[in-house]
């Protein structure tokens, strides 16, 4: 089974080679020769590594969950190394650290950038930045399937009727994810073109939105979205990374009357409508509602895009929405809405059971017959505890680096939730290029920690710190 792990990584190295080839074609077509050789290097490097990983012969032994976690972690280290090649060998004289920082920021769909002016970047490199996010979003979705054993049975039921995942089921779901992910990217691209957004910008934004990434092809989003209709459709397109990647598939091919496939998305629909109504009623007196709608959709989908409009009075609200996050089988980050909702309902039932001991309170999710048990609640609670601990550590490290406590706190939340810094969080002008190398390494580490699901950190701690 170890061979499966190497082939898992081999697949993504082959994807890098394909995207390198596309960048070469794009560069030749538009006569963009400034960084042409860098894509040859990434193409050859990724092909060689892909073949080596595929050809490695490993004795067939049963793999455990820790080996799977290490495989995913290894991917978050090795893949960005190859993805950083076009940055490092470009004409912009980037250091190795800055190149790695940019590639990991894109691969984790965070969006922190060391480039201060996107207008000065070659178009082919802008497309490469967007491609990194696209691969990273797909890698994250594949990782969920790869690590499916650490998750609850209820989450598995939203994906398949099978409780256990053998290699054939993993392959089946992975193929389904790849096709859906690619199809939705194409749909976003076509819709953006229909609404008169430049083709180059539409392509980059499509790669970004589906992956819940944060890289823009321009300095200011307002230079792309100029009409209210464009802002509204863009806001709704961001929700494709908020709901489950299987949501549209299940709607299209829904035959059996099994609402398990929809229960998380139904909760998310109600949550989104509720939040939009609250914003429409109470928070639309200072700004155009379309501006608030974009910031709202951007925050709950963990993308982070916004216009350069003063919304400092809502910064805390937007940060809370970022922390909550979206669907489990989506490219968004956050602690996940369904976990927080289940934990809240369980806690409320526990309080009510003491005040009304004769009554029976069931921990059932609405729209379904699913009950969550105590072991699942423990996992949800520990996820929040790990988030608080990680947040405290990163805030302390950033504060020691000379960043103000307020900025450290905001930046730490965005780092762990893999959300780009923008004006709605009061960090639109934050400069990553001038940060100390220690600070950049800290951000790199915690961007990866935020992306691999905090529950995996707990499992690793359990293995190394609690042997028994």
Protein backbone atom coordinates (compact mmCIF):
# COMPACT_ATOMS: atom_id res chain seq x y z
CA UNK A 1 0.00 0.00 0.00
CA UNK A 2 2.99 2.32 0.36
CA UNK A 3 3.17 2.27 -3.41
CA UNK A 4 -0.23 4.01 -3.44
CA UNK A 5 1.26 6.89 -1.44
CA UNK A 6 4.04 7.46 -3.95
CA UNK A 7 1.61 7.23 -6.87
CA UNK A 8 -0.61 9.72 -5.07
CA UNK A 9 2.25 12.25 -5.12
CA UNK A 10 3.31 11.15 -8.61
CA UNK A 11 -0.11 12.17 -9.96
CA UNK A 12 0.31 15.74 -8.71
CA UNK A 13 3.85 16.05 -10.06
CA UNK A 14 2.46 15.00 -13.44
CA UNK A 15 -0.22 17.70 -13.10
CA UNK A 16 2.53 20.27 -12.51
CA UNK A 17 4.22 19.13 -15.70
CA UNK A 18 0.96 19.54 -17.63
CA UNK A 19 0.42 23.06 -16.30
CA UNK A 20 4.07 23.89 -17.07
CA UNK A 21 3.44 22.78 -20.64
CA UNK A 22 0.32 24.96 -20.86
CA UNK A 23 2.32 27.93 -19.59
CA UNK A 24 4.91 27.31 -22.30
CA UNK A 25 2.19 27.27 -24.96
CA UNK A 26 0.66 30.42 -23.53
CA UNK A 27 4.05 32.18 -23.45
CA UNK A 28 4.85 31.26 -27.05
CA UNK A 29 1.37 32.26 -28.24
CA UNK A 30 1.60 35.76 -26.71
CA UNK A 31 5.35 36.16 -27.28
CA UNK A 32 6.11 36.24 -23.54
CA UNK A 33 9.73 35.12 -23.51
CA UNK A 34 10.98 36.78 -20.29
CA UNK A 35 10.43 33.76 -18.04
CA UNK A 36 10.11 31.08 -20.70
CA UNK A 37 13.07 28.96 -19.61
CA UNK A 38 11.75 28.66 -16.05
CA UNK A 39 8.75 26.62 -17.24
CA UNK A 40 11.07 24.25 -19.09
CA UNK A 41 12.88 23.66 -15.80
CA UNK A 42 9.63 23.01 -13.89
CA UNK A 43 8.36 20.81 -16.74
CA UNK A 44 11.45 18.58 -16.84
CA UNK A 45 11.81 18.46 -13.03
CA UNK A 46 8.18 17.49 -12.43
CA UNK A 47 8.23 14.83 -15.15
CA UNK A 48 11.39 13.21 -13.75
CA UNK A 49 10.09 13.20 -10.17
CA UNK A 50 6.67 11.94 -11.29
CA UNK A 51 8.24 8.99 -13.12
CA UNK A 52 10.57 8.20 -10.20
CA UNK A 53 7.70 8.21 -7.70
CA UNK A 54 5.55 6.07 -9.97
CA UNK A 55 8.32 3.51 -10.57
CA UNK A 56 9.35 3.13 -6.93
CA UNK A 57 8.76 -0.46 -5.83
CA UNK A 58 7.65 -0.78 -2.23
CA UNK A 59 6.70 -4.04 -0.49
CA UNK A 60 2.95 -4.26 -0.10
CA UNK A 61 2.23 -3.66 3.58
CA UNK A 62 -0.88 -2.29 5.22
CA UNK A 63 -0.55 1.47 5.68
CA UNK A 64 -1.75 3.17 8.83
CA UNK A 65 -3.24 6.62 9.26
CA UNK A 66 0.08 8.14 10.36
CA UNK A 67 1.76 7.09 7.11
CA UNK A 68 -1.08 8.72 5.21
CA UNK A 69 -0.74 11.95 7.20
CA UNK A 70 3.02 12.03 6.55
CA UNK A 71 2.34 11.49 2.85
CA UNK A 72 0.03 14.52 2.76
CA UNK A 73 2.57 16.59 4.72
CA UNK A 74 5.33 15.48 2.37
CA UNK A 75 3.25 16.73 -0.54
CA UNK A 76 2.89 20.16 1.07
CA UNK A 77 6.70 20.33 1.21
CA UNK A 78 7.84 18.71 -2.05
CA UNK A 79 5.20 20.01 -4.46
CA UNK A 80 5.72 23.71 -3.59
CA UNK A 81 9.47 23.22 -4.13
CA UNK A 82 8.84 22.44 -7.80
CA UNK A 83 6.13 25.08 -8.02
CA UNK A 84 8.59 27.71 -6.75
CA UNK A 85 11.03 27.17 -9.66
CA UNK A 86 9.44 29.75 -12.02
CA UNK A 87 9.56 32.32 -9.20
CA UNK A 88 13.16 31.62 -8.24
CA UNK A 89 14.54 31.61 -11.81
CA UNK A 90 12.41 34.52 -13.00
CA UNK A 91 13.78 37.93 -13.93
CA UNK A 92 12.51 39.41 -10.65
CA UNK A 93 15.49 38.27 -8.55
CA UNK A 94 13.43 36.58 -5.85
CA UNK A 95 15.26 34.87 -3.02
CA UNK A 96 14.71 31.18 -2.41
CA UNK A 97 12.69 31.96 0.73
CA UNK A 98 10.44 34.43 -1.08
CA UNK A 99 9.92 31.93 -3.89
CA UNK A 100 8.94 29.20 -1.43
CA UNK A 101 6.72 31.62 0.49
CA UNK A 102 4.84 32.59 -2.70
CA UNK A 103 4.39 28.99 -3.85
CA UNK A 104 3.24 27.65 -0.46
CA UNK A 105 0.91 30.62 -0.05
CA UNK A 106 -0.66 29.72 -3.39
CA UNK A 107 -0.62 25.96 -2.86
CA UNK A 108 -2.40 26.28 0.50
CA UNK A 109 -4.89 28.68 -1.15
CA UNK A 110 -3.95 31.44 1.29
CA UNK A 111 -2.94 34.23 -1.07
CA UNK A 112 -0.24 36.11 0.87
CA UNK A 113 2.08 37.61 -1.73
CA UNK A 114 5.56 39.09 -1.69
CA UNK A 115 4.77 40.98 -4.94
CA UNK A 116 3.85 44.58 -4.21
CA UNK A 117 2.71 45.50 -7.72
CA UNK A 118 1.05 42.84 -9.87
CA UNK A 119 1.20 45.11 -12.94
CA UNK A 120 4.96 44.62 -13.08
CA UNK A 121 4.68 40.82 -13.30
CA UNK A 122 4.81 38.93 -16.58
CA UNK A 123 1.37 37.56 -17.58
CA UNK A 124 2.68 34.01 -17.78
CA UNK A 125 3.85 34.22 -14.15
CA UNK A 126 0.47 35.61 -13.08
CA UNK A 127 -1.14 32.58 -14.70
CA UNK A 128 1.36 30.34 -12.94
CA UNK A 129 0.36 31.83 -9.57
CA UNK A 130 -3.28 31.03 -10.29
CA UNK A 131 -2.38 27.51 -11.47
CA UNK A 132 -0.60 26.85 -8.17
CA UNK A 133 -3.83 27.60 -6.32
CA UNK A 134 -5.80 25.30 -8.61
CA UNK A 135 -3.44 22.39 -7.96
CA UNK A 136 -3.45 23.16 -4.24
CA UNK A 137 -7.24 23.11 -4.05
CA UNK A 138 -7.38 19.77 -5.87
CA UNK A 139 -4.63 18.38 -3.61
CA UNK A 140 -6.64 19.42 -0.55
CA UNK A 141 -9.77 17.63 -1.79
CA UNK A 142 -7.79 14.50 -2.64
CA UNK A 143 -6.21 14.64 0.82
CA UNK A 144 -9.66 14.51 2.44
CA UNK A 145 -10.37 11.26 0.59
CA UNK A 146 -6.87 9.97 1.36
CA UNK A 147 -7.33 10.68 5.10
CA UNK A 148 -11.02 9.73 5.21
CA UNK A 149 -10.42 7.25 8.06
CA UNK A 150 -9.80 10.04 10.60
CA UNK A 151 -13.18 11.64 10.00
CA UNK A 152 -16.59 10.85 11.42
CA UNK A 153 -19.04 8.36 9.93
CA UNK A 154 -21.54 11.18 9.36
CA UNK A 155 -19.12 12.99 7.08
CA UNK A 156 -18.49 9.80 5.12
CA UNK A 157 -22.23 9.43 4.55
CA UNK A 158 -22.31 12.79 2.76
CA UNK A 159 -19.89 11.34 0.25
CA UNK A 160 -20.93 7.73 -0.23
CA UNK A 161 -23.13 4.99 1.17
CA UNK A 162 -20.01 2.98 1.95
CA UNK A 163 -18.63 3.23 5.47
CA UNK A 164 -15.20 1.77 4.70
CA UNK A 165 -13.01 3.01 1.85
CA UNK A 166 -10.95 0.46 -0.03
CA UNK A 167 -8.52 1.44 -2.78
CA UNK A 168 -11.14 1.09 -5.52
CA UNK A 169 -13.58 3.38 -3.67
CA UNK A 170 -10.82 5.94 -3.06
CA UNK A 171 -9.96 5.88 -6.78
CA UNK A 172 -13.62 6.23 -7.74
CA UNK A 173 -14.15 9.25 -5.51
CA UNK A 174 -10.84 10.81 -6.61
CA UNK A 175 -11.82 10.58 -10.29
CA UNK A 176 -15.22 12.07 -9.47
CA UNK A 177 -13.55 14.96 -7.63
CA UNK A 178 -11.14 15.65 -10.49
CA UNK A 179 -13.92 15.75 -13.09
CA UNK A 180 -16.21 17.90 -10.94
CA UNK A 181 -13.39 20.26 -10.00
CA UNK A 182 -12.34 20.72 -13.63
CA UNK A 183 -15.94 21.10 -14.82
CA UNK A 184 -16.77 23.76 -12.22
CA UNK A 185 -13.60 25.66 -13.13
CA UNK A 186 -14.75 25.73 -16.75
CA UNK A 187 -18.25 26.86 -15.71
CA UNK A 188 -16.84 29.76 -13.67
CA UNK A 189 -14.61 30.78 -16.59
CA UNK A 190 -17.55 30.79 -19.04
CA UNK A 191 -19.86 32.74 -16.69
CA UNK A 192 -17.22 35.42 -16.04
CA UNK A 193 -16.73 35.80 -19.79
CA UNK A 194 -20.48 36.13 -20.30
CA UNK A 195 -20.45 39.06 -17.86
CA UNK A 196 -17.85 40.89 -19.98
CA UNK A 197 -14.79 40.18 -17.84
CA UNK A 198 -11.57 40.03 -19.85
CA UNK A 199 -10.64 36.47 -20.87
CA UNK A 200 -7.24 36.53 -19.14
CA UNK A 201 -8.78 37.78 -15.90
CA UNK A 202 -11.64 35.27 -16.19
CA UNK A 203 -9.18 32.40 -16.50
CA UNK A 204 -7.14 33.49 -13.48
CA UNK A 205 -10.23 34.18 -11.38
CA UNK A 206 -11.75 30.80 -12.30
CA UNK A 207 -8.61 29.01 -11.10
CA UNK A 208 -8.69 31.12 -7.94
CA UNK A 209 -12.38 30.92 -7.02
CA UNK A 210 -12.74 27.14 -7.33
CA UNK A 211 -9.70 26.63 -5.09
CA UNK A 212 -10.73 29.26 -2.51
CA UNK A 213 -7.43 31.00 -3.27
CA UNK A 214 -6.38 34.60 -2.72
CA UNK A 215 -4.19 35.59 -5.69
CA UNK A 216 -5.57 38.29 -7.97
CA UNK A 217 -4.34 38.99 -11.53
CA UNK A 218 -4.50 42.74 -10.77
CA UNK A 219 -3.72 45.02 -7.85
CA UNK A 220 -7.31 46.09 -7.20
CA UNK A 221 -10.43 43.99 -7.71
CA UNK A 222 -12.41 47.12 -8.62
CA UNK A 223 -10.46 47.33 -11.88
CA UNK A 224 -12.13 44.04 -12.92
CA UNK A 225 -15.58 44.30 -11.34
CA UNK A 226 -17.03 47.62 -12.46
CA UNK A 227 -20.77 46.94 -12.61
CA UNK A 228 -23.20 45.78 -9.92
CA UNK A 229 -24.18 42.77 -12.02
CA UNK A 230 -20.51 41.67 -12.16
CA UNK A 231 -20.13 42.11 -8.39
CA UNK A 232 -23.27 40.09 -7.65
CA UNK A 233 -22.42 37.19 -9.96
CA UNK A 234 -18.84 37.18 -8.66
CA UNK A 235 -20.16 37.01 -5.08
CA UNK A 236 -22.30 33.98 -5.90
CA UNK A 237 -19.50 32.26 -7.82
CA UNK A 238 -17.34 32.44 -4.71
CA UNK A 239 -19.91 30.20 -3.02
CA UNK A 240 -18.84 27.29 -5.25
CA UNK A 241 -15.88 26.89 -2.90
CA UNK A 242 -18.19 27.29 0.13
CA UNK A 243 -20.53 24.37 -0.60
CA UNK A 244 -19.49 20.76 -1.05
CA UNK A 245 -17.74 19.88 -4.29
CA UNK A 246 -20.37 17.10 -4.61
CA UNK A 247 -23.38 19.38 -4.05
CA UNK A 248 -24.18 20.04 -7.72
CA UNK A 249 -23.35 16.41 -8.61
CA UNK A 250 -25.75 15.09 -5.98
CA UNK A 251 -28.47 17.51 -7.12
CA UNK A 252 -28.05 16.35 -10.72
CA UNK A 253 -27.88 12.61 -10.08
CA UNK A 254 -30.10 12.43 -7.00
CA UNK A 255 -32.12 9.20 -7.28
CA UNK A 256 -32.38 7.65 -3.85
CA UNK A 257 -34.27 9.57 -1.21
CA UNK A 258 -31.25 9.91 1.01
CA UNK A 259 -30.83 13.41 2.43
CA UNK A 260 -27.51 12.46 4.02
CA UNK A 261 -25.82 13.63 0.82
CA UNK A 262 -27.27 17.12 1.34
CA UNK A 263 -27.52 17.66 5.07
CA UNK A 264 -24.39 19.80 5.45
CA UNK A 265 -25.18 21.93 2.39
CA UNK A 266 -28.76 22.46 3.58
CA UNK A 267 -27.39 23.81 6.85
CA UNK A 268 -25.01 26.04 4.92
CA UNK A 269 -27.81 27.45 2.75
CA UNK A 270 -29.80 28.46 5.83
CA UNK A 271 -26.65 29.87 7.46
CA UNK A 272 -25.77 31.92 4.37
CA UNK A 273 -29.33 33.29 3.92
CA UNK A 274 -29.48 34.20 7.60
CA UNK A 275 -26.16 36.07 7.51
CA UNK A 276 -27.10 37.88 4.27
CA UNK A 277 -30.41 39.02 5.80
CA UNK A 278 -28.64 40.27 8.93
CA UNK A 279 -26.20 42.25 6.79
CA UNK A 280 -28.98 43.58 4.57
CA UNK A 281 -31.05 44.79 7.53
CA UNK A 282 -28.38 46.09 9.91
CA UNK A 283 -25.11 46.71 8.03
CA UNK A 284 -26.01 48.26 4.68
CA UNK A 285 -26.49 51.86 5.76
CA UNK A 286 -22.89 52.99 5.11
CA UNK A 287 -21.99 50.99 1.98
CA UNK A 288 -23.67 49.74 -1.14
CA UNK A 289 -25.16 46.33 -0.32
CA UNK A 290 -23.34 44.72 -3.26
CA UNK A 291 -20.03 45.67 -1.61
CA UNK A 292 -21.14 44.02 1.63
CA UNK A 293 -22.40 40.98 -0.30
CA UNK A 294 -19.00 40.51 -1.92
CA UNK A 295 -17.14 40.89 1.39
CA UNK A 296 -19.59 38.52 3.05
CA UNK A 297 -19.33 35.81 0.40
CA UNK A 298 -15.57 36.26 0.30
CA UNK A 299 -15.22 35.78 4.06
CA UNK A 300 -17.46 32.73 4.50
CA UNK A 301 -15.75 31.02 1.54
CA UNK A 302 -12.30 31.85 3.01
CA UNK A 303 -11.19 33.66 -0.14
CA UNK A 304 -10.79 37.14 1.37
CA UNK A 305 -11.26 39.40 -1.67
CA UNK A 306 -12.66 42.88 -1.13
CA UNK A 307 -12.77 46.37 -2.57
CA UNK A 308 -10.66 49.12 -1.07
CA UNK A 309 -13.60 50.42 0.96
CA UNK A 310 -13.48 51.28 4.64
CA UNK A 311 -15.35 48.52 6.51
CA UNK A 312 -13.34 48.70 9.73
CA UNK A 313 -16.53 48.60 11.82
CA UNK A 314 -17.21 45.09 10.47
CA UNK A 315 -13.69 43.65 10.68
CA UNK A 316 -14.45 41.50 13.72
CA UNK A 317 -17.63 40.14 12.11
CA UNK A 318 -15.77 39.19 8.93
CA UNK A 319 -13.04 37.46 10.96
CA UNK A 320 -15.69 35.40 12.79
CA UNK A 321 -17.14 34.33 9.44
CA UNK A 322 -13.65 33.35 8.28
CA UNK A 323 -13.14 31.19 11.38
CA UNK A 324 -16.48 29.39 10.92
CA UNK A 325 -15.69 28.41 7.31
CA UNK A 326 -17.79 26.33 4.93
CA UNK A 327 -18.48 22.75 3.91
CA UNK A 328 -16.33 19.80 4.85
CA UNK A 329 -15.90 18.54 1.27
CA UNK A 330 -15.07 21.95 -0.18
CA UNK A 331 -11.88 23.91 -0.75
CA UNK A 332 -12.80 26.47 1.92
CA UNK A 333 -11.03 26.38 5.28
CA UNK A 334 -12.27 27.37 8.72
CA UNK A 335 -13.31 25.19 11.62
CA UNK A 336 -16.35 24.11 9.52
CA UNK A 337 -19.87 25.31 10.18
CA UNK A 338 -21.39 21.88 10.85
CA UNK A 339 -18.84 21.17 13.61
CA UNK A 340 -19.55 24.45 15.39
CA UNK A 341 -23.31 24.00 14.99
CA UNK A 342 -23.19 20.42 16.35
CA UNK A 343 -21.03 21.49 19.29
CA UNK A 344 -23.37 24.39 20.07
CA UNK A 345 -26.48 22.19 19.93
CA UNK A 346 -24.89 19.50 22.08
CA UNK A 347 -23.82 22.08 24.69
CA UNK A 348 -27.30 23.61 24.70
CA UNK A 349 -28.91 20.19 25.19
CA UNK A 350 -26.56 19.48 28.09
CA UNK A 351 -27.57 22.72 29.80
CA UNK A 352 -31.26 22.07 29.22
CA UNK A 353 -30.96 18.52 30.57
CA UNK A 354 -29.93 19.93 33.95
CA UNK A 355 -32.75 22.46 34.05
CA UNK A 356 -35.35 19.97 32.78
CA UNK A 357 -34.06 16.52 33.84
CA UNK A 358 -37.32 14.73 32.94
CA UNK A 359 -37.11 15.75 29.31
CA UNK A 360 -35.11 13.89 26.69
CA UNK A 361 -32.99 15.95 24.32
CA UNK A 362 -31.67 14.32 21.16
CA UNK A 363 -28.53 15.48 19.42
CA UNK A 364 -30.03 15.23 15.97
CA UNK A 365 -29.24 17.43 12.99
CA UNK A 366 -32.23 19.00 11.29
CA UNK A 367 -33.23 17.67 7.83
CA UNK A 368 -31.77 14.24 8.70
CA UNK A 369 -32.00 11.32 11.08
CA UNK A 370 -28.30 11.67 11.88
CA UNK A 371 -27.35 11.74 15.54
CA UNK A 372 -23.86 12.76 16.61
CA UNK A 373 -22.40 10.91 19.56
CA UNK A 374 -20.08 11.96 22.37
CA UNK A 375 -16.90 10.81 20.60
CA UNK A 376 -17.66 13.12 17.67
CA UNK A 377 -18.32 16.03 20.02
CA UNK A 378 -14.95 15.38 21.64
CA UNK A 379 -13.25 15.66 18.25
CA UNK A 380 -15.04 18.91 17.47
CA UNK A 381 -14.10 20.35 20.85
CA UNK A 382 -10.46 19.30 20.50
CA UNK A 383 -10.33 20.89 17.03
CA UNK A 384 -11.33 24.22 18.56
CA UNK A 385 -8.81 23.80 21.39
CA UNK A 386 -6.01 23.08 18.88
CA UNK A 387 -7.05 26.15 16.88
CA UNK A 388 -6.88 28.35 19.99
CA UNK A 389 -3.47 26.94 20.93
CA UNK A 390 -2.13 27.36 17.38
CA UNK A 391 -3.53 30.88 17.23
CA UNK A 392 -1.90 31.81 20.55
CA UNK A 393 1.48 30.44 19.45
CA UNK A 394 1.44 32.23 16.09
CA UNK A 395 0.26 35.53 17.62
CA UNK A 396 3.13 35.34 20.10
CA UNK A 397 5.69 34.58 17.38
CA UNK A 398 4.47 37.40 15.15
CA UNK A 399 4.39 39.86 18.06
CA UNK A 400 7.98 38.96 18.93
CA UNK A 401 8.86 39.74 15.30
CA UNK A 402 7.87 43.37 15.80
CA UNK A 403 4.35 43.22 14.35
CA UNK A 404 1.70 44.98 16.46
CA UNK A 405 -0.57 42.74 18.51
CA UNK A 406 -3.69 43.72 16.55
CA UNK A 407 -2.07 42.94 13.22
CA UNK A 408 -0.56 39.74 14.63
CA UNK A 409 -3.96 38.59 15.84
CA UNK A 410 -5.69 39.27 12.52
CA UNK A 411 -2.85 37.84 10.46
CA UNK A 412 -2.74 34.69 12.60
CA UNK A 413 -6.45 34.03 12.03
CA UNK A 414 -6.10 34.55 8.29
CA UNK A 415 -3.00 32.31 8.18
CA UNK A 416 -4.64 29.40 9.99
CA UNK A 417 -7.84 29.82 7.97
CA UNK A 418 -5.88 30.20 4.69
CA UNK A 419 -7.56 33.50 3.80
CA UNK A 420 -5.85 36.37 2.01
CA UNK A 421 -5.22 39.66 3.80
CA UNK A 422 -7.39 42.49 2.47
CA UNK A 423 -8.91 45.80 3.50
CA UNK A 424 -11.97 44.21 5.15
CA UNK A 425 -9.62 42.74 7.77
CA UNK A 426 -7.58 45.93 8.09
CA UNK A 427 -4.51 44.35 6.46
CA UNK A 428 -4.85 45.46 2.84
CA UNK A 429 -1.49 47.27 2.86
CA UNK A 430 0.44 44.65 4.81
CA UNK A 431 3.87 44.07 3.20
CA UNK A 432 5.12 40.46 3.29
CA UNK A 433 8.24 41.19 1.27
CA UNK A 434 9.91 43.13 4.08
CA UNK A 435 9.22 40.57 6.82
CA UNK A 436 12.11 38.96 8.69
CA UNK A 437 13.02 35.47 7.43
CA UNK A 438 11.97 33.95 10.77
CA UNK A 439 8.49 35.49 10.41
CA UNK A 440 8.15 34.11 6.88
CA UNK A 441 9.11 30.61 8.04
CA UNK A 442 6.51 30.85 10.83
CA UNK A 443 3.81 31.87 8.35
CA UNK A 444 4.82 29.07 5.97
CA UNK A 445 4.56 26.49 8.76
CA UNK A 446 1.18 27.66 10.00
CA UNK A 447 -0.27 28.01 6.49
CA UNK A 448 0.43 24.29 6.08
CA UNK A 449 -0.91 23.49 9.57
CA UNK A 450 -4.13 25.34 8.76
CA UNK A 451 -4.55 23.43 5.50
CA UNK A 452 -4.05 19.85 6.66
CA UNK A 453 -7.02 19.97 9.05
CA UNK A 454 -6.27 20.57 12.72
CA UNK A 455 -7.47 17.08 13.65
CA UNK A 456 -4.41 15.58 11.98
CA UNK A 457 -2.18 17.66 14.27
CA UNK A 458 -3.92 16.04 17.24
CA UNK A 459 -3.27 12.57 15.84
CA UNK A 460 0.42 13.32 15.35
CA UNK A 461 0.66 14.68 18.90
CA UNK A 462 -1.02 11.55 20.16
CA UNK A 463 1.50 9.33 18.34
CA UNK A 464 4.66 11.12 19.49
CA UNK A 465 3.66 12.51 22.88
CA UNK A 466 1.35 9.79 24.17
CA UNK A 467 2.95 6.47 23.29
CA UNK A 468 0.49 4.46 25.30
